Protein backbone atom coordinates (compact mmCIF):
# COMPACT_ATOMS: atom_id res chain seq x y z
CA MET A 1 -1.10 8.71 26.39
CA ASN A 2 2.38 10.21 26.80
CA ASP A 3 4.08 12.44 24.21
CA GLN A 4 6.34 9.68 22.86
CA THR A 5 3.41 7.35 22.27
CA LYS A 6 1.52 10.16 20.54
CA GLN A 7 4.49 10.82 18.27
CA ASN A 8 4.85 7.13 17.44
CA LEU A 9 1.11 6.80 16.82
CA TYR A 10 1.14 9.83 14.52
CA ARG A 11 3.99 8.37 12.47
CA PHE A 12 2.19 5.05 12.32
CA LEU A 13 -1.07 6.56 11.08
CA VAL A 14 0.59 8.80 8.52
CA GLY A 15 2.63 5.87 7.20
CA LEU A 16 -0.49 3.76 6.67
CA GLY A 17 -2.25 6.74 5.10
CA ASP A 18 0.71 7.32 2.78
CA ASP A 19 0.71 3.66 1.71
CA ALA A 20 -2.96 3.96 0.78
CA VAL A 21 -2.94 7.36 -0.94
CA VAL A 22 0.12 6.55 -3.05
CA LEU A 23 -1.24 3.20 -4.24
CA SER A 24 -4.60 4.86 -4.85
CA HIS A 25 -2.97 7.37 -7.18
CA ARG A 26 -1.09 4.65 -9.01
CA LEU A 27 -4.26 2.63 -9.58
CA SER A 28 -6.12 5.74 -10.71
CA GLU A 29 -3.63 6.03 -13.57
CA TRP A 30 -5.44 3.09 -15.18
CA CYS A 31 -8.60 5.19 -15.49
CA SER A 32 -9.41 5.27 -19.23
CA ASN A 33 -6.40 2.99 -19.84
CA GLY A 34 -7.71 -0.37 -18.63
CA PRO A 35 -7.70 -3.37 -20.99
CA TYR A 36 -11.49 -3.13 -21.27
CA LEU A 37 -14.28 -1.05 -19.76
CA GLU A 38 -15.24 -3.29 -16.85
CA GLU A 39 -11.63 -3.59 -15.68
CA ASP A 40 -11.13 0.15 -16.14
CA ILE A 41 -14.04 0.80 -13.76
CA ALA A 42 -12.95 -1.91 -11.31
CA LEU A 43 -9.43 -0.50 -10.93
CA SER A 44 -10.85 2.99 -10.47
CA ASN A 45 -13.15 1.70 -7.73
CA ILE A 46 -10.25 0.00 -5.95
CA ALA A 47 -8.37 3.30 -6.12
CA LEU A 48 -11.34 4.94 -4.40
CA ASP A 49 -11.25 2.28 -1.66
CA TYR A 50 -7.64 3.20 -0.97
CA ILE A 51 -8.27 6.94 -0.97
CA GLY A 52 -11.06 6.38 1.55
CA ARG A 53 -8.68 4.33 3.69
CA ALA A 54 -6.06 7.06 3.49
CA ARG A 55 -8.55 9.68 4.64
CA LEU A 56 -9.50 7.69 7.72
CA PHE A 57 -5.86 7.27 8.77
CA TYR A 58 -5.01 10.92 8.01
CA GLN A 59 -8.05 12.23 9.89
CA TYR A 60 -7.06 10.32 12.99
CA ALA A 61 -3.44 11.48 12.61
CA VAL A 62 -4.60 15.11 12.51
CA GLU A 63 -6.53 14.60 15.75
CA ILE A 64 -3.53 12.99 17.42
CA GLU A 65 -1.23 15.82 16.30
CA GLY A 66 -3.60 18.41 17.75
CA LYS A 67 -2.60 21.26 15.45
CA GLU A 68 -4.49 23.17 12.77
CA ASN A 69 -3.39 20.87 9.96
CA THR A 70 -5.97 19.01 7.91
CA GLU A 71 -5.90 15.72 6.02
CA ASP A 72 -5.32 17.75 2.85
CA ASP A 73 -2.22 19.34 4.40
CA ILE A 74 -0.78 15.89 5.05
CA ALA A 75 -1.53 14.67 1.54
CA TYR A 76 -0.68 17.75 -0.50
CA SER A 77 1.84 19.83 1.46
CA ARG A 78 4.67 17.38 2.06
CA THR A 79 7.64 16.58 -0.14
CA GLU A 80 8.73 13.10 -1.16
CA ARG A 81 11.26 13.00 1.70
CA GLU A 82 8.40 13.64 4.13
CA TYR A 83 6.28 10.84 2.70
CA THR A 84 6.72 7.53 4.53
CA ASN A 85 4.96 4.97 2.34
CA LEU A 86 6.56 1.58 1.77
CA LEU A 87 8.27 1.57 -1.60
CA ILE A 88 6.23 -1.14 -3.32
CA HIS A 89 3.23 1.21 -3.40
CA GLU A 90 4.98 3.97 -5.37
CA LEU A 91 6.36 1.97 -8.28
CA PRO A 92 4.86 3.01 -11.64
CA ILE A 93 1.98 0.93 -12.95
CA ASN A 94 4.14 -0.42 -15.81
CA ASP A 95 2.06 -2.93 -17.79
CA PHE A 96 -1.14 -4.67 -16.67
CA ALA A 97 0.67 -7.83 -15.53
CA PHE A 98 2.97 -5.76 -13.30
CA THR A 99 0.01 -3.94 -11.76
CA MET A 100 -1.82 -7.19 -11.02
CA VAL A 101 1.21 -8.93 -9.49
CA ARG A 102 1.81 -5.90 -7.25
CA GLN A 103 -1.86 -5.84 -6.34
CA PHE A 104 -1.87 -9.57 -5.58
CA PHE A 105 1.18 -9.16 -3.34
CA VAL A 106 -0.31 -6.30 -1.32
CA ASP A 107 -3.79 -7.87 -1.22
CA VAL A 108 -2.42 -11.03 0.40
CA PHE A 109 -0.46 -8.89 2.84
CA TYR A 110 -3.33 -6.57 3.77
CA CYS A 111 -5.85 -9.37 4.25
CA GLU A 112 -3.70 -10.76 7.05
CA TYR A 113 -2.29 -7.47 8.34
CA LEU A 114 -5.63 -5.67 8.62
CA ALA A 115 -7.26 -8.70 10.23
CA LYS A 116 -4.61 -8.52 12.96
CA LEU A 117 -4.85 -4.72 13.16
CA SER A 118 -8.60 -4.99 13.73
CA GLU A 119 -7.68 -6.39 17.16
CA SER A 120 -5.69 -3.26 18.06
CA SER A 121 -6.06 -1.88 21.57
CA ASP A 122 -6.75 1.47 19.93
CA GLU A 123 -10.46 1.31 19.14
CA ARG A 124 -10.26 3.91 16.37
CA ILE A 125 -7.53 1.98 14.53
CA ALA A 126 -9.38 -1.30 15.07
CA SER A 127 -12.51 0.24 13.53
CA ILE A 128 -10.65 1.49 10.45
CA ALA A 129 -8.98 -1.90 10.00
CA GLN A 130 -12.28 -3.77 10.30
CA LYS A 131 -13.69 -1.71 7.43
CA ALA A 132 -10.54 -1.89 5.32
CA VAL A 133 -10.03 -5.65 5.63
CA LYS A 134 -13.42 -6.27 4.01
CA GLU A 135 -12.26 -4.23 1.02
CA SER A 136 -8.93 -6.06 0.83
CA ARG A 137 -10.65 -9.44 0.81
CA TYR A 138 -12.68 -8.29 -2.17
CA HIS A 139 -9.52 -6.95 -3.84
CA LEU A 140 -7.84 -10.33 -3.40
CA LYS A 141 -10.81 -12.12 -4.98
CA ARG A 142 -10.20 -9.94 -8.04
CA SER A 143 -6.41 -10.13 -8.25
CA GLU A 144 -6.12 -13.91 -7.80
CA PRO A 145 -8.01 -14.85 -10.99
CA TRP A 146 -5.96 -12.34 -12.97
CA ILE A 147 -2.74 -13.97 -11.80
CA THR A 148 -4.02 -17.34 -13.01
CA GLN A 149 -5.36 -15.95 -16.27
CA LEU A 150 -2.13 -14.13 -17.15
CA SER A 151 0.12 -16.96 -15.96
CA GLU A 152 -1.73 -19.58 -17.99
CA GLY A 153 -2.73 -17.40 -20.92
CA THR A 154 -0.32 -16.73 -23.76
CA ASP A 155 3.47 -16.98 -23.85
CA GLU A 156 3.52 -13.18 -23.82
CA SER A 157 1.32 -12.79 -20.73
CA ARG A 158 3.32 -15.48 -18.89
CA ARG A 159 6.58 -13.73 -19.78
CA ARG A 160 5.26 -10.45 -18.41
CA ILE A 161 4.17 -12.10 -15.17
CA LYS A 162 7.66 -13.52 -14.70
CA GLU A 163 9.27 -10.14 -15.42
CA ALA A 164 6.99 -8.47 -12.86
CA LEU A 165 7.94 -11.06 -10.25
CA ILE A 166 11.65 -10.42 -10.79
CA GLU A 167 11.27 -6.69 -10.19
CA LEU A 168 8.70 -6.75 -7.40
CA GLU A 169 10.49 -9.41 -5.38
CA ASN A 170 13.14 -6.76 -4.63
CA PHE A 171 10.55 -4.64 -2.79
CA VAL A 172 8.50 -7.25 -0.93
CA GLY A 173 10.82 -7.56 2.07
CA GLU A 174 10.05 -4.04 3.26
CA LEU A 175 6.47 -5.09 4.02
CA PHE A 176 7.83 -7.11 6.94
CA ILE A 177 10.51 -4.79 8.36
CA MET A 178 9.80 -3.11 11.70
CA SER A 179 11.32 0.11 13.02
CA ASP A 180 12.01 0.57 16.74
CA TRP A 181 9.15 3.02 17.23
CA GLU A 182 6.72 0.61 15.56
CA LYS A 183 7.91 -2.18 17.85
CA GLU A 184 7.01 0.03 20.82
CA LEU A 185 3.46 0.33 19.47
CA VAL A 186 3.32 -3.46 19.11
CA GLU A 187 4.28 -3.84 22.77
CA GLN A 188 1.39 -1.52 23.65
CA GLY A 189 -1.03 -3.61 21.61
CA ILE A 190 -1.64 -0.83 19.09
CA ALA A 191 0.27 -2.04 16.03
CA VAL A 192 0.95 -5.43 14.44
CA ASP A 193 4.25 -7.29 14.38
CA ARG A 194 4.72 -7.41 10.62
CA THR A 195 7.69 -9.76 10.85
CA SER A 196 5.34 -12.48 12.08
CA LEU A 197 3.35 -12.28 8.84
CA GLN A 198 6.17 -13.00 6.40
CA SER A 199 6.16 -16.77 6.63
CA GLY A 200 2.43 -17.03 6.00
CA TRP A 201 2.66 -14.54 3.12
CA ASP A 202 5.49 -16.50 1.49
CA ASP A 203 3.62 -19.79 1.77
CA TYR A 204 0.38 -18.38 0.34
CA VAL A 205 1.97 -16.55 -2.59
CA GLN A 206 4.33 -19.35 -3.58
CA ALA A 207 1.55 -21.95 -3.39
CA TYR A 208 -0.72 -19.83 -5.58
CA PHE A 209 1.87 -19.28 -8.29
CA ALA A 210 2.83 -22.96 -8.12
CA LYS A 211 -0.68 -23.83 -9.36
CA SER A 212 0.34 -22.23 -12.67
CA GLY A 213 3.81 -23.78 -12.65
CA ILE A 214 5.63 -20.54 -11.82
CA ASP A 215 8.38 -20.33 -9.23
CA ILE A 216 8.89 -17.00 -7.48
CA PRO A 217 12.52 -15.88 -7.85
CA SER A 218 14.47 -15.40 -4.64
CA SER A 219 15.95 -11.91 -4.31
CA LYS A 220 18.89 -11.08 -2.08
CA LEU A 221 18.38 -7.40 -2.93
CA GLN A 222 15.74 -6.06 -0.58
CA ILE A 223 15.24 -2.37 -1.28
CA ARG A 224 13.97 -0.42 1.71
CA GLY A 225 13.78 3.04 3.24
CA GLY A 226 10.22 4.21 2.62
CA ARG A 227 9.24 4.63 6.26
CA GLU A 228 12.34 6.82 6.72
CA GLY A 229 11.49 9.01 3.73
CA ILE A 230 14.02 7.43 1.35
CA HIS A 231 12.24 6.73 -1.92
CA THR A 232 12.70 5.68 -5.51
CA GLU A 233 13.00 8.35 -8.19
CA HIS A 234 9.36 7.72 -9.08
CA LEU A 235 7.63 9.24 -6.05
CA GLY A 236 8.70 12.83 -6.62
CA HIS A 237 7.33 12.77 -10.17
CA MET A 238 4.08 11.25 -8.95
CA LEU A 239 3.64 13.85 -6.21
CA SER A 240 4.33 16.72 -8.62
CA GLU A 241 1.24 15.60 -10.52
CA MET A 242 -0.88 14.70 -7.51
CA GLN A 243 -0.12 17.91 -5.60
CA TYR A 244 -0.11 20.34 -8.52
CA MET A 245 -3.44 22.07 -7.88
CA GLN A 246 -2.88 22.58 -4.14
CA ARG A 247 0.63 23.93 -4.67
CA ALA A 248 -0.42 26.19 -7.54
CA TYR A 249 -3.32 27.61 -5.52
CA PRO A 250 -2.45 27.27 -1.81
CA GLY A 251 -5.43 27.22 0.52
CA MET A 252 -7.89 27.04 -2.36
CA LYS A 253 -11.48 26.20 -1.36
CA TRP A 254 -13.92 24.48 -3.70
């Protein structure tokens, strides 16, 4: 593996790890705040699935980099401009309808994306994806009924679903945008061409909402920049909380 491929692979792994760790933290914010106990525990468990996924990607990234950094250094020692997660993952949890629409969107995406990634020519990545896709399929089985229940529940829950769709539709497009370095990994059989997944994602999501008589608004504003370290104002605040202990006590050992 040449140096350029190693650099691209490192960026790829860190990006996927960032997606997972950021969404994990957002979901963990529901701990003790869920609508009822069972859902509180379920969301916390999904957050743990994502933190486990992040660790696997970060651990491999550390090996590829070949320095003395650890997975904790990647997670806790970088600023928001050094984080490369896609923006949809960092948005605040807002209300429960917003969280479930966001989760439904990413669950549909990851079920297809990770299934494709499990065929990666990189055996380590394929192994991580094979484990993660099983989790995402379970996540989707949970988020789908919530979309139906909230869409067909009360006028208030339906209104909140529609408001969530209006905001989140602005961030969905970034899931399917490819950078040049990622395209190089696709050519090598390591990564997945995310642009090829958009049509199937659109069809699935629109068909599911149509069952409840809801049309997904079309957004011409597609906010992007996460993979290049350009984020919303929310990420810095989130990281200040997530990284507080490590920054207050650098190198601390439990």
